[in-house]
C-alpha cells in the first residue's frame, strides 16, 4: 500500500538547506548572526538542524534581500513588521513560492542551453 510519496520532512541539515535555497553555508551562518529568528538548534554532533519553519524564514530573507533588494536592516524591519501583524507565515510562503519559480526558471534555462547545444 505504498503511496509513492515521500514523507514530509520536518528537520534539515545545513547542507539540505543550502541545496533547497541555493545558498552557501557561510551565507546561512552569517544570516544567523544578523537575524535573531534564524537560530537552528544543534544535534549531539554539533551540526545545525533547521526546522521546516526556519527553512521558510531563510527563503523569506533570501527573497527580501535578493529579489526585493532590501538591506539587512530593512529586511529585519520588514520581518519584524510581518511578525507583529501575524503575516510572517504567508510572507514566508510567498517568498518560497517566488524563489521556487526563480529556481525552476533557472533550471529550465540550463536544460534549454543543453538541448540547444546538441543541435
PDB file of N, CA and C in Angstrom:
ATOM      1  N   UNK A   1       0.809  -1.198   0.000  1.00  0.00           N
ATOM      2  CA  UNK A   1       0.000   0.000   0.000  1.00  0.00           C
ATOM      3  C   UNK A   1       0.848   1.254   0.000  1.00  0.00           C
ATOM      4  N   UNK A   2       1.949   1.215  -0.657  1.00  0.00           N
ATOM      5  CA  UNK A   2       2.833   2.381  -0.706  1.00  0.00           C
ATOM      6  C   UNK A   2       2.240   3.418  -1.647  1.00  0.00           C
ATOM      7  N   UNK A   3       2.178   4.644  -1.157  1.00  0.00           N
ATOM      8  CA  UNK A   3       1.583   5.710  -1.956  1.00  0.00           C
ATOM      9  C   UNK A   3       2.592   6.292  -2.943  1.00  0.00           C
ATOM     10  N   UNK A   4       3.867   6.007  -2.723  1.00  0.00           N
ATOM     11  CA  UNK A   4       4.881   6.526  -3.624  1.00  0.00           C
ATOM     12  C   UNK A   4       5.362   7.908  -3.223  1.00  0.00           C
ATOM     13  N   UNK A   5       4.633   8.565  -2.343  1.00  0.00           N
ATOM     14  CA  UNK A   5       5.035   9.900  -1.911  1.00  0.00           C
ATOM     15  C   UNK A   5       6.007   9.791  -0.752  1.00  0.00           C
ATOM     16  N   UNK A   6       7.005  10.678  -0.760  1.00  0.00           N
ATOM     17  CA  UNK A   6       7.962  10.691   0.340  1.00  0.00           C
ATOM     18  C   UNK A   6       7.316  11.329   1.553  1.00  0.00           C
ATOM     19  N   UNK A   7       7.686  10.886   2.758  1.00  0.00           N
ATOM     20  CA  UNK A   7       7.132  11.530   3.952  1.00  0.00           C
ATOM     21  C   UNK A   7       7.618  12.976   4.043  1.00  0.00           C
ATOM     22  N   UNK A   8       6.798  13.812   4.651  1.00  0.00           N
ATOM     23  CA  UNK A   8       7.153  15.220   4.806  1.00  0.00           C
ATOM     24  C   UNK A   8       8.267  15.320   5.834  1.00  0.00           C
ATOM     25  N   UNK A   9       9.348  15.967   5.447  1.00  0.00           N
ATOM     26  CA  UNK A   9      10.488  16.133   6.360  1.00  0.00           C
ATOM     27  C   UNK A   9      10.254  17.328   7.255  1.00  0.00           C
ATOM     28  N   UNK A  10      10.637  17.202   8.496  1.00  0.00           N
ATOM     29  CA  UNK A  10      10.484  18.297   9.449  1.00  0.00           C
ATOM     30  C   UNK A  10      11.819  18.926   9.819  1.00  0.00           C
ATOM     31  N   UNK A  11      12.926  18.203   9.608  1.00  0.00           N
ATOM     32  CA  UNK A  11      14.240  18.694  10.001  1.00  0.00           C
ATOM     33  C   UNK A  11      15.217  18.566   8.844  1.00  0.00           C
ATOM     34  N   UNK A  12      16.103  19.580   8.737  1.00  0.00           N
ATOM     35  CA  UNK A  12      17.020  19.642   7.611  1.00  0.00           C
ATOM     36  C   UNK A  12      18.415  20.018   8.091  1.00  0.00           C
ATOM     37  N   UNK A  13      19.433  19.407   7.498  1.00  0.00           N
ATOM     38  CA  UNK A  13      20.824  19.771   7.795  1.00  0.00           C
ATOM     39  C   UNK A  13      21.155  21.058   7.052  1.00  0.00           C
ATOM     40  N   UNK A  14      22.276  21.669   7.391  1.00  0.00           N
ATOM     41  CA  UNK A  14      22.683  22.891   6.685  1.00  0.00           C
ATOM     42  C   UNK A  14      22.924  22.586   5.205  1.00  0.00           C
ATOM     43  N   UNK A  15      23.433  21.402   4.905  1.00  0.00           N
ATOM     44  CA  UNK A  15      23.623  21.000   3.507  1.00  0.00           C
ATOM     45  C   UNK A  15      22.299  20.918   2.763  1.00  0.00           C
ATOM     46  N   UNK A  16      21.276  20.351   3.436  1.00  0.00           N
ATOM     47  CA  UNK A  16      19.946  20.271   2.830  1.00  0.00           C
ATOM     48  C   UNK A  16      19.411  21.665   2.540  1.00  0.00           C
ATOM     49  N   UNK A  17      19.568  22.561   3.515  1.00  0.00           N
ATOM     50  CA  UNK A  17      19.055  23.933   3.368  1.00  0.00           C
ATOM     51  C   UNK A  17      19.800  24.647   2.246  1.00  0.00           C
ATOM     52  N   UNK A  18      21.102  24.440   2.151  1.00  0.00           N
ATOM     53  CA  UNK A  18      21.883  25.040   1.060  1.00  0.00           C
ATOM     54  C   UNK A  18      21.360  24.570  -0.291  1.00  0.00           C
ATOM     55  N   UNK A  19      21.080  23.287  -0.392  1.00  0.00           N
ATOM     56  CA  UNK A  19      20.587  22.729  -1.650  1.00  0.00           C
ATOM     57  C   UNK A  19      19.188  23.266  -1.966  1.00  0.00           C
ATOM     58  N   UNK A  20      18.324  23.336  -0.962  1.00  0.00           N
ATOM     59  CA  UNK A  20      16.959  23.812  -1.165  1.00  0.00           C
ATOM     60  C   UNK A  20      16.899  25.295  -1.523  1.00  0.00           C
ATOM     61  N   UNK A  21      17.802  26.077  -0.967  1.00  0.00           N
ATOM     62  CA  UNK A  21      17.743  27.539  -1.118  1.00  0.00           C
ATOM     63  C   UNK A  21      18.748  28.098  -2.111  1.00  0.00           C
ATOM     64  N   UNK A  22      19.659  27.254  -2.570  1.00  0.00           N
ATOM     65  CA  UNK A  22      20.722  27.691  -3.482  1.00  0.00           C
ATOM     66  C   UNK A  22      21.596  28.765  -2.828  1.00  0.00           C
ATOM     67  N   UNK A  23      21.898  28.550  -1.539  1.00  0.00           N
ATOM     68  CA  UNK A  23      22.769  29.453  -0.775  1.00  0.00           C
ATOM     69  C   UNK A  23      23.979  28.678  -0.277  1.00  0.00           C
ATOM     70  N   UNK A  24      25.043  29.378   0.005  1.00  0.00           N
ATOM     71  CA  UNK A  24      26.262  28.772   0.555  1.00  0.00           C
ATOM     72  C   UNK A  24      26.155  28.708   2.083  1.00  0.00           C
ATOM     73  N   UNK A  25      26.819  27.735   2.719  1.00  0.00           N
ATOM     74  CA  UNK A  25      26.762  27.619   4.179  1.00  0.00           C
ATOM     75  C   UNK A  25      27.209  28.889   4.908  1.00  0.00           C
ATOM     76  N   UNK A  26      28.242  29.566   4.388  1.00  0.00           N
ATOM     77  CA  UNK A  26      28.706  30.770   5.082  1.00  0.00           C
ATOM     78  C   UNK A  26      27.651  31.879   5.057  1.00  0.00           C
ATOM     79  N   UNK A  27      26.812  31.905   4.012  1.00  0.00           N
ATOM     80  CA  UNK A  27      25.732  32.892   3.941  1.00  0.00           C
ATOM     81  C   UNK A  27      24.700  32.595   5.027  1.00  0.00           C
ATOM     82  N   UNK A  28      24.333  31.324   5.167  1.00  0.00           N
ATOM     83  CA  UNK A  28      23.369  30.939   6.212  1.00  0.00           C
ATOM     84  C   UNK A  28      23.907  31.264   7.600  1.00  0.00           C
ATOM     85  N   UNK A  29      25.185  30.954   7.818  1.00  0.00           N
ATOM     86  CA  UNK A  29      25.769  31.230   9.140  1.00  0.00           C
ATOM     87  C   UNK A  29      25.802  32.735   9.407  1.00  0.00           C
ATOM     88  N   UNK A  30      26.100  33.531   8.385  1.00  0.00           N
ATOM     89  CA  UNK A  30      26.108  34.982   8.553  1.00  0.00           C
ATOM     90  C   UNK A  30      24.699  35.482   8.863  1.00  0.00           C
ATOM     91  N   UNK A  31      23.713  34.990   8.120  1.00  0.00           N
ATOM     92  CA  UNK A  31      22.337  35.416   8.380  1.00  0.00           C
ATOM     93  C   UNK A  31      21.905  35.061   9.795  1.00  0.00           C
ATOM     94  N   UNK A  32      22.365  33.926  10.303  1.00  0.00           N
ATOM     95  CA  UNK A  32      22.038  33.554  11.691  1.00  0.00           C
ATOM     96  C   UNK A  32      22.546  34.617  12.658  1.00  0.00           C
ATOM     97  N   UNK A  33      23.684  35.222  12.359  1.00  0.00           N
ATOM     98  CA  UNK A  33      24.240  36.251  13.241  1.00  0.00           C
ATOM     99  C   UNK A  33      23.488  37.576  13.098  1.00  0.00           C
ATOM    100  N   UNK A  34      22.783  37.759  11.986  1.00  0.00           N
ATOM    101  CA  UNK A  34      22.094  39.027  11.722  1.00  0.00           C
ATOM    102  C   UNK A  34      20.598  38.997  12.027  1.00  0.00           C
ATOM    103  N   UNK A  35      19.988  37.843  11.882  1.00  0.00           N
ATOM    104  CA  UNK A  35      18.538  37.706  12.086  1.00  0.00           C
ATOM    105  C   UNK A  35      18.304  36.779  13.275  1.00  0.00           C
ATOM    106  N   UNK A  36      17.852  37.352  14.391  1.00  0.00           N
ATOM    107  CA  UNK A  36      17.720  36.561  15.625  1.00  0.00           C
ATOM    108  C   UNK A  36      16.715  35.411  15.512  1.00  0.00           C
ATOM    109  N   UNK A  37      15.780  35.510  14.566  1.00  0.00           N
ATOM    110  CA  UNK A  37      14.796  34.444  14.396  1.00  0.00           C
ATOM    111  C   UNK A  37      15.359  33.253  13.626  1.00  0.00           C
ATOM    112  N   UNK A  38      16.552  33.384  13.078  1.00  0.00           N
ATOM    113  CA  UNK A  38      17.220  32.253  12.421  1.00  0.00           C
ATOM    114  C   UNK A  38      18.231  31.672  13.398  1.00  0.00           C
ATOM    115  N   UNK A  39      17.789  30.727  14.160  1.00  0.00           N
ATOM    116  CA  UNK A  39      18.682  30.127  15.158  1.00  0.00           C
ATOM    117  C   UNK A  39      18.420  28.626  15.236  1.00  0.00           C
ATOM    118  N   UNK A  40      18.922  27.894  14.245  1.00  0.00           N
ATOM    119  CA  UNK A  40      18.701  26.444  14.245  1.00  0.00           C
ATOM    120  C   UNK A  40      19.353  25.805  15.465  1.00  0.00           C
ATOM    121  N   UNK A  41      18.696  24.786  15.972  1.00  0.00           N
ATOM    122  CA  UNK A  41      19.294  24.064  17.095  1.00  0.00           C
ATOM    123  C   UNK A  41      20.418  23.187  16.553  1.00  0.00           C
ATOM    124  N   UNK A  42      21.164  22.615  17.458  1.00  0.00           N
ATOM    125  CA  UNK A  42      22.258  21.736  17.047  1.00  0.00           C
ATOM    126  C   UNK A  42      22.012  20.339  17.605  1.00  0.00           C
ATOM    127  N   UNK A  43      22.387  19.353  16.809  1.00  0.00           N
ATOM    128  CA  UNK A  43      22.231  17.975  17.275  1.00  0.00           C
ATOM    129  C   UNK A  43      23.406  17.598  18.178  1.00  0.00           C
ATOM    130  N   UNK A  44      23.443  16.366  18.620  1.00  0.00           N
ATOM    131  CA  UNK A  44      24.501  15.918  19.536  1.00  0.00           C
ATOM    132  C   UNK A  44      25.893  16.062  18.945  1.00  0.00           C
ATOM    133  N   UNK A  45      25.976  16.011  17.632  1.00  0.00           N
ATOM    134  CA  UNK A  45      27.274  16.154  16.963  1.00  0.00           C
ATOM    135  C   UNK A  45      27.670  17.615  16.790  1.00  0.00           C
ATOM    136  N   UNK A  46      26.762  18.532  17.139  1.00  0.00           N
ATOM    137  CA  UNK A  46      27.049  19.952  16.986  1.00  0.00           C
ATOM    138  C   UNK A  46      26.682  20.512  15.623  1.00  0.00           C
ATOM    139  N   UNK A  47      25.989  19.714  14.799  1.00  0.00           N
ATOM    140  CA  UNK A  47      25.575  20.169  13.469  1.00  0.00           C
ATOM    141  C   UNK A  47      24.236  20.882  13.548  1.00  0.00           C
ATOM    142  N   UNK A  48      24.080  21.918  12.727  1.00  0.00           N
ATOM    143  CA  UNK A  48      22.829  22.666  12.698  1.00  0.00           C
ATOM    144  C   UNK A  48      21.694  21.785  12.193  1.00  0.00           C
ATOM    145  N   UNK A  49      20.519  21.961  12.816  1.00  0.00           N
ATOM    146  CA  UNK A  49      19.316  21.252  12.411  1.00  0.00           C
ATOM    147  C   UNK A  49      18.210  22.299  12.244  1.00  0.00           C
ATOM    148  N   UNK A  50      17.792  22.507  11.008  1.00  0.00           N
ATOM    149  CA  UNK A  50      16.770  23.501  10.696  1.00  0.00           C
ATOM    150  C   UNK A  50      15.395  22.852  10.669  1.00  0.00           C
ATOM    151  N   UNK A  51      14.401  23.568  11.187  1.00  0.00           N
ATOM    152  CA  UNK A  51      13.024  23.113  11.081  1.00  0.00           C
ATOM    153  C   UNK A  51      12.452  23.601   9.759  1.00  0.00           C
ATOM    154  N   UNK A  52      11.317  23.060   9.390  1.00  0.00           N
ATOM    155  CA  UNK A  52      10.632  23.495   8.170  1.00  0.00           C
ATOM    156  C   UNK A  52      10.345  25.001   8.237  1.00  0.00           C
ATOM    157  N   UNK A  53       9.933  25.485   9.392  1.00  0.00           N
ATOM    158  CA  UNK A  53       9.631  26.923   9.572  1.00  0.00           C
ATOM    159  C   UNK A  53      10.894  27.761   9.345  1.00  0.00           C
ATOM    160  N   UNK A  54      12.021  27.297   9.860  1.00  0.00           N
ATOM    161  CA  UNK A  54      13.270  28.043   9.659  1.00  0.00           C
ATOM    162  C   UNK A  54      13.678  28.076   8.190  1.00  0.00           C
ATOM    163  N   UNK A  55      13.424  26.994   7.473  1.00  0.00           N
ATOM    164  CA  UNK A  55      13.722  26.976   6.032  1.00  0.00           C
ATOM    165  C   UNK A  55      12.843  28.003   5.328  1.00  0.00           C
ATOM    166  N   UNK A  56      11.574  28.072   5.722  1.00  0.00           N
ATOM    167  CA  UNK A  56      10.678  29.069   5.137  1.00  0.00           C
ATOM    168  C   UNK A  56      11.181  30.484   5.436  1.00  0.00           C
ATOM    169  N   UNK A  57      11.663  30.704   6.661  1.00  0.00           N
ATOM    170  CA  UNK A  57      12.182  32.023   7.024  1.00  0.00           C
ATOM    171  C   UNK A  57      13.455  32.355   6.239  1.00  0.00           C
ATOM    172  N   UNK A  58      14.307  31.358   6.015  1.00  0.00           N
ATOM    173  CA  UNK A  58      15.501  31.573   5.190  1.00  0.00           C
ATOM    174  C   UNK A  58      15.071  32.009   3.792  1.00  0.00           C
ATOM    175  N   UNK A  59      14.061  31.355   3.250  1.00  0.00           N
ATOM    176  CA  UNK A  59      13.576  31.723   1.917  1.00  0.00           C
ATOM    177  C   UNK A  59      12.984  33.131   1.916  1.00  0.00           C
ATOM    178  N   UNK A  60      12.313  33.506   3.005  1.00  0.00           N
ATOM    179  CA  UNK A  60      11.774  34.864   3.104  1.00  0.00           C
ATOM    180  C   UNK A  60      12.915  35.882   3.122  1.00  0.00           C
ATOM    181  N   UNK A  61      13.935  35.632   3.918  1.00  0.00           N
ATOM    182  CA  UNK A  61      15.084  36.535   3.985  1.00  0.00           C
ATOM    183  C   UNK A  61      15.752  36.624   2.610  1.00  0.00           C
ATOM    184  N   UNK A  62      15.937  35.493   1.962  1.00  0.00           N
ATOM    185  CA  UNK A  62      16.542  35.492   0.631  1.00  0.00           C
ATOM    186  C   UNK A  62      15.705  36.324  -0.334  1.00  0.00           C
ATOM    187  N   UNK A  63      14.411  36.146  -0.277  1.00  0.00           N
ATOM    188  CA  UNK A  63      13.510  36.905  -1.150  1.00  0.00           C
ATOM    189  C   UNK A  63      13.635  38.409  -0.881  1.00  0.00           C
ATOM    190  N   UNK A  64      13.625  38.783   0.399  1.00  0.00           N
ATOM    191  CA  UNK A  64      13.714  40.202   0.748  1.00  0.00           C
ATOM    192  C   UNK A  64      15.051  40.803   0.313  1.00  0.00           C
ATOM    193  N   UNK A  65      16.140  40.071   0.532  1.00  0.00           N
ATOM    194  CA  UNK A  65      17.466  40.600   0.214  1.00  0.00           C
ATOM    195  C   UNK A  65      17.770  40.560  -1.282  1.00  0.00           C
ATOM    196  N   UNK A  66      17.498  39.448  -1.930  1.00  0.00           N
ATOM    197  CA  UNK A  66      17.933  39.258  -3.316  1.00  0.00           C
ATOM    198  C   UNK A  66      16.910  39.713  -4.353  1.00  0.00           C
ATOM    199  N   UNK A  67      15.624  39.511  -4.068  1.00  0.00           N
ATOM    200  CA  UNK A  67      14.595  39.862  -5.044  1.00  0.00           C
ATOM    201  C   UNK A  67      14.052  41.269  -4.803  1.00  0.00           C
ATOM    202  N   UNK A  68      13.682  41.539  -3.541  1.00  0.00           N
ATOM    203  CA  UNK A  68      13.122  42.852  -3.205  1.00  0.00           C
ATOM    204  C   UNK A  68      14.208  43.904  -2.975  1.00  0.00           C
ATOM    205  N   UNK A  69      15.467  43.460  -2.875  1.00  0.00           N
ATOM    206  CA  UNK A  69      16.643  44.337  -2.739  1.00  0.00           C
ATOM    207  C   UNK A  69      16.674  45.149  -1.435  1.00  0.00           C
ATOM    208  N   UNK A  70      16.133  44.570  -0.356  1.00  0.00           N
ATOM    209  CA  UNK A  70      16.235  45.204   0.958  1.00  0.00           C
ATOM    210  C   UNK A  70      17.669  45.093   1.468  1.00  0.00           C
ATOM    211  N   UNK A  71      18.057  46.042   2.321  1.00  0.00           N
ATOM    212  CA  UNK A  71      19.305  45.896   3.066  1.00  0.00           C
ATOM    213  C   UNK A  71      19.028  44.924   4.210  1.00  0.00           C
ATOM    214  N   UNK A  72      20.055  44.493   4.897  1.00  0.00           N
ATOM    215  CA  UNK A  72      19.844  43.596   6.044  1.00  0.00           C
ATOM    216  C   UNK A  72      18.968  44.294   7.081  1.00  0.00           C
ATOM    217  N   UNK A  73      19.259  45.560   7.374  1.00  0.00           N
ATOM    218  CA  UNK A  73      18.437  46.305   8.339  1.00  0.00           C
ATOM    219  C   UNK A  73      16.995  46.417   7.867  1.00  0.00           C
ATOM    220  N   UNK A  74      16.818  46.707   6.598  1.00  0.00           N
ATOM    221  CA  UNK A  74      15.468  46.812   6.035  1.00  0.00           C
ATOM    222  C   UNK A  74      14.724  45.487   6.109  1.00  0.00           C
ATOM    223  N   UNK A  75      15.431  44.402   5.814  1.00  0.00           N
ATOM    224  CA  UNK A  75      14.815  43.071   5.877  1.00  0.00           C
ATOM    225  C   UNK A  75      14.417  42.732   7.322  1.00  0.00           C
ATOM    226  N   UNK A  76      15.275  43.093   8.286  1.00  0.00           N
ATOM    227  CA  UNK A  76      14.940  42.865   9.703  1.00  0.00           C
ATOM    228  C   UNK A  76      13.659  43.604  10.065  1.00  0.00           C
ATOM    229  N   UNK A  77      13.575  44.869   9.655  1.00  0.00           N
ATOM    230  CA  UNK A  77      12.388  45.669   9.960  1.00  0.00           C
ATOM    231  C   UNK A  77      11.145  45.085   9.293  1.00  0.00           C
ATOM    232  N   UNK A  78      11.279  44.660   8.047  1.00  0.00           N
ATOM    233  CA  UNK A  78      10.149  44.091   7.312  1.00  0.00           C
ATOM    234  C   UNK A  78       9.645  42.813   7.995  1.00  0.00           C
ATOM    235  N   UNK A  79      10.560  41.950   8.392  1.00  0.00           N
ATOM    236  CA  UNK A  79      10.160  40.710   9.057  1.00  0.00           C
ATOM    237  C   UNK A  79       9.529  41.028  10.412  1.00  0.00           C
ATOM    238  N   UNK A  80      10.093  41.996  11.148  1.00  0.00           N
ATOM    239  CA  UNK A  80       9.505  42.398  12.434  1.00  0.00           C
ATOM    240  C   UNK A  80       8.078  42.903  12.246  1.00  0.00           C
ATOM    241  N   UNK A  81       7.861  43.725  11.213  1.00  0.00           N
ATOM    242  CA  UNK A  81       6.506  44.216  10.914  1.00  0.00           C
ATOM    243  C   UNK A  81       5.566  43.050  10.629  1.00  0.00           C
ATOM    244  N   UNK A  82       6.041  42.103   9.823  1.00  0.00           N
ATOM    245  CA  UNK A  82       5.206  40.956   9.460  1.00  0.00           C
ATOM    246  C   UNK A  82       4.928  40.066  10.667  1.00  0.00           C
ATOM    247  N   UNK A  83       5.896  39.966  11.566  1.00  0.00           N
ATOM    248  CA  UNK A  83       5.700  39.160  12.778  1.00  0.00           C
ATOM    249  C   UNK A  83       4.638  39.794  13.666  1.00  0.00           C
ATOM    250  N   UNK A  84       4.683  41.110  13.790  1.00  0.00           N
ATOM    251  CA  UNK A  84       3.709  41.826  14.636  1.00  0.00           C
ATOM    252  C   UNK A  84       2.299  41.729  14.069  1.00  0.00           C
ATOM    253  N   UNK A  85       2.195  41.733  12.755  1.00  0.00           N
ATOM    254  CA  UNK A  85       0.875  41.672  12.119  1.00  0.00           C
ATOM    255  C   UNK A  85       0.408  40.229  11.883  1.00  0.00           C
ATOM    256  N   UNK A  86       1.243  39.267  12.237  1.00  0.00           N
ATOM    257  CA  UNK A  86       0.877  37.862  12.024  1.00  0.00           C
ATOM    258  C   UNK A  86       1.043  37.419  10.580  1.00  0.00           C
ATOM    259  N   UNK A  87       1.771  38.190   9.795  1.00  0.00           N
ATOM    260  CA  UNK A  87       1.897  37.885   8.377  1.00  0.00           C
ATOM    261  C   UNK A  87       3.176  37.194   7.974  1.00  0.00           C
ATOM    262  N   UNK A  88       3.950  36.684   8.945  1.00  0.00           N
ATOM    263  CA  UNK A  88       5.226  36.048   8.594  1.00  0.00           C
ATOM    264  C   UNK A  88       5.012  34.778   7.793  1.00  0.00           C
ATOM    265  N   UNK A  89       4.102  33.936   8.236  1.00  0.00           N
ATOM    266  CA  UNK A  89       3.915  32.656   7.542  1.00  0.00           C
ATOM    267  C   UNK A  89       3.473  32.861   6.089  1.00  0.00           C
ATOM    268  N   UNK A  90       2.443  33.694   5.829  1.00  0.00           N
ATOM    269  CA  UNK A  90       2.088  33.923   4.419  1.00  0.00           C
ATOM    270  C   UNK A  90       3.231  34.563   3.625  1.00  0.00           C
ATOM    271  N   UNK A  91       3.959  35.497   4.249  1.00  0.00           N
ATOM    272  CA  UNK A  91       5.074  36.141   3.545  1.00  0.00           C
ATOM    273  C   UNK A  91       6.181  35.143   3.262  1.00  0.00           C
ATOM    274  N   UNK A  92       6.461  34.268   4.237  1.00  0.00           N
ATOM    275  CA  UNK A  92       7.489  33.241   4.036  1.00  0.00           C
ATOM    276  C   UNK A  92       7.076  32.293   2.920  1.00  0.00           C
ATOM    277  N   UNK A  93       5.812  31.913   2.899  1.00  0.00           N
ATOM    278  CA  UNK A  93       5.327  31.028   1.838  1.00  0.00           C
ATOM    279  C   UNK A  93       5.396  31.713   0.480  1.00  0.00           C
ATOM    280  N   UNK A  94       5.037  33.011   0.448  1.00  0.00           N
ATOM    281  CA  UNK A  94       5.111  33.750  -0.807  1.00  0.00           C
ATOM    282  C   UNK A  94       6.558  33.841  -1.279  1.00  0.00           C
ATOM    283  N   UNK A  95       7.470  34.107  -0.345  1.00  0.00           N
ATOM    284  CA  UNK A  95       8.884  34.143  -0.695  1.00  0.00           C
ATOM    285  C   UNK A  95       9.352  32.804  -1.224  1.00  0.00           C
ATOM    286  N   UNK A  96       8.902  31.734  -0.576  1.00  0.00           N
ATOM    287  CA  UNK A  96       9.252  30.385  -1.017  1.00  0.00           C
ATOM    288  C   UNK A  96       8.705  30.126  -2.414  1.00  0.00           C
ATOM    289  N   UNK A  97       7.454  30.512  -2.658  1.00  0.00           N
ATOM    290  CA  UNK A  97       6.857  30.322  -3.975  1.00  0.00           C
ATOM    291  C   UNK A  97       7.622  31.093  -5.039  1.00  0.00           C
ATOM    292  N   UNK A  98       7.957  32.345  -4.749  1.00  0.00           N
ATOM    293  CA  UNK A  98       8.681  33.175  -5.709  1.00  0.00           C
ATOM    294  C   UNK A  98      10.052  32.586  -5.998  1.00  0.00           C
ATOM    295  N   UNK A  99      10.767  32.198  -4.945  1.00  0.00           N
ATOM    296  CA  UNK A  99      12.098  31.627  -5.134  1.00  0.00           C
ATOM    297  C   UNK A  99      12.024  30.302  -5.873  1.00  0.00           C
ATOM    298  N   UNK A 100      10.987  29.523  -5.627  1.00  0.00           N
ATOM    299  CA  UNK A 100      10.819  28.250  -6.326  1.00  0.00           C
ATOM    300  C   UNK A 100      10.665  28.503  -7.824  1.00  0.00           C
ATOM    301  N   UNK A 101       9.869  29.497  -8.180  1.00  0.00           N
ATOM    302  CA  UNK A 101       9.678  29.834  -9.592  1.00  0.00           C
ATOM    303  C   UNK A 101      10.998  30.298 -10.201  1.00  0.00           C
ATOM    304  N   UNK A 102      11.742  31.130  -9.479  1.00  0.00           N
ATOM    305  CA  UNK A 102      13.027  31.626  -9.977  1.00  0.00           C
ATOM    306  C   UNK A 102      13.988  30.459 -10.211  1.00  0.00           C
ATOM    307  N   UNK A 103      14.059  29.536  -9.241  1.00  0.00           N
ATOM    308  CA  UNK A 103      14.947  28.381  -9.386  1.00  0.00           C
ATOM    309  C   UNK A 103      14.513  27.471 -10.533  1.00  0.00           C
ATOM    310  N   UNK A 104      13.205  27.259 -10.681  1.00  0.00           N
ATOM    311  CA  UNK A 104      12.703  26.443 -11.786  1.00  0.00           C
ATOM    312  C   UNK A 104      13.044  27.081 -13.129  1.00  0.00           C
ATOM    313  N   UNK A 105      12.873  28.392 -13.192  1.00  0.00           N
ATOM    314  CA  UNK A 105      13.198  29.101 -14.433  1.00  0.00           C
ATOM    315  C   UNK A 105      14.676  28.950 -14.767  1.00  0.00           C
ATOM    316  N   UNK A 106      15.534  29.071 -13.758  1.00  0.00           N
ATOM    317  CA  UNK A 106      16.982  28.906 -13.957  1.00  0.00           C
ATOM    318  C   UNK A 106      17.286  27.491 -14.460  1.00  0.00           C
ATOM    319  N   UNK A 107      16.678  26.487 -13.824  1.00  0.00           N
ATOM    320  CA  UNK A 107      16.897  25.101 -14.237  1.00  0.00           C
ATOM    321  C   UNK A 107      16.418  24.870 -15.670  1.00  0.00           C
ATOM    322  N   UNK A 108      15.273  25.425 -16.010  1.00  0.00           N
ATOM    323  CA  UNK A 108      14.752  25.253 -17.364  1.00  0.00           C
ATOM    324  C   UNK A 108      15.655  25.909 -18.404  1.00  0.00           C
ATOM    325  N   UNK A 109      16.218  27.073 -18.065  1.00  0.00           N
ATOM    326  CA  UNK A 109      17.159  27.731 -18.986  1.00  0.00           C
ATOM    327  C   UNK A 109      18.393  26.864 -19.204  1.00  0.00           C
ATOM    328  N   UNK A 110      18.893  26.259 -18.122  1.00  0.00           N
ATOM    329  CA  UNK A 110      20.066  25.383 -18.239  1.00  0.00           C
ATOM    330  C   UNK A 110      19.751  24.179 -19.116  1.00  0.00           C
ATOM    331  N   UNK A 111      18.571  23.607 -18.950  1.00  0.00           N
ATOM    332  CA  UNK A 111      18.156  22.465 -19.774  1.00  0.00           C
ATOM    333  C   UNK A 111      18.048  22.892 -21.228  1.00  0.00           C
ATOM    334  N   UNK A 112      17.454  24.053 -21.461  1.00  0.00           N
ATOM    335  CA  UNK A 112      17.320  24.564 -22.817  1.00  0.00           C
ATOM    336  C   UNK A 112      18.697  24.792 -23.458  1.00  0.00           C
ATOM    337  N   UNK A 113      19.636  25.340 -22.696  1.00  0.00           N
ATOM    338  CA  UNK A 113      21.002  25.538 -23.205  1.00  0.00           C
ATOM    339  C   UNK A 113      21.630  24.202 -23.615  1.00  0.00           C
ATOM    340  N   UNK A 114      21.446  23.184 -22.794  1.00  0.00           N
ATOM    341  CA  UNK A 114      21.988  21.853 -23.092  1.00  0.00           C
ATOM    342  C   UNK A 114      21.374  21.304 -24.366  1.00  0.00           C
ATOM    343  N   UNK A 115      20.041  21.436 -24.464  1.00  0.00           N
ATOM    344  CA  UNK A 115      19.348  20.923 -25.653  1.00  0.00           C
ATOM    345  C   UNK A 115      19.763  21.673 -26.921  1.00  0.00           C
ATOM    346  N   UNK A 116      19.953  22.974 -26.805  1.00  0.00           N
ATOM    347  CA  UNK A 116      20.336  23.756 -27.980  1.00  0.00           C
ATOM    348  C   UNK A 116      21.763  23.420 -28.426  1.00  0.00           C
ATOM    349  N   UNK A 117      22.631  23.049 -27.490  1.00  0.00           N
ATOM    350  CA  UNK A 117      23.999  22.674 -27.857  1.00  0.00           C
ATOM    351  C   UNK A 117      24.055  21.352 -28.592  1.00  0.00           C
ATOM    352  N   UNK A 118      23.068  20.499 -28.384  1.00  0.00           N
ATOM    353  CA  UNK A 118      23.046  19.186 -29.036  1.00  0.00           C
ATOM    354  C   UNK A 118      22.676  19.271 -30.501  1.00  0.00           C
ATOM    355  N   UNK A 119      22.079  20.382 -30.914  1.00  0.00           N
ATOM    356  CA  UNK A 119      21.659  20.518 -32.319  1.00  0.00           C
ATOM    357  C   UNK A 119      22.818  20.621 -33.262  1.00  0.00           C
TER     358      UNK A 119
END
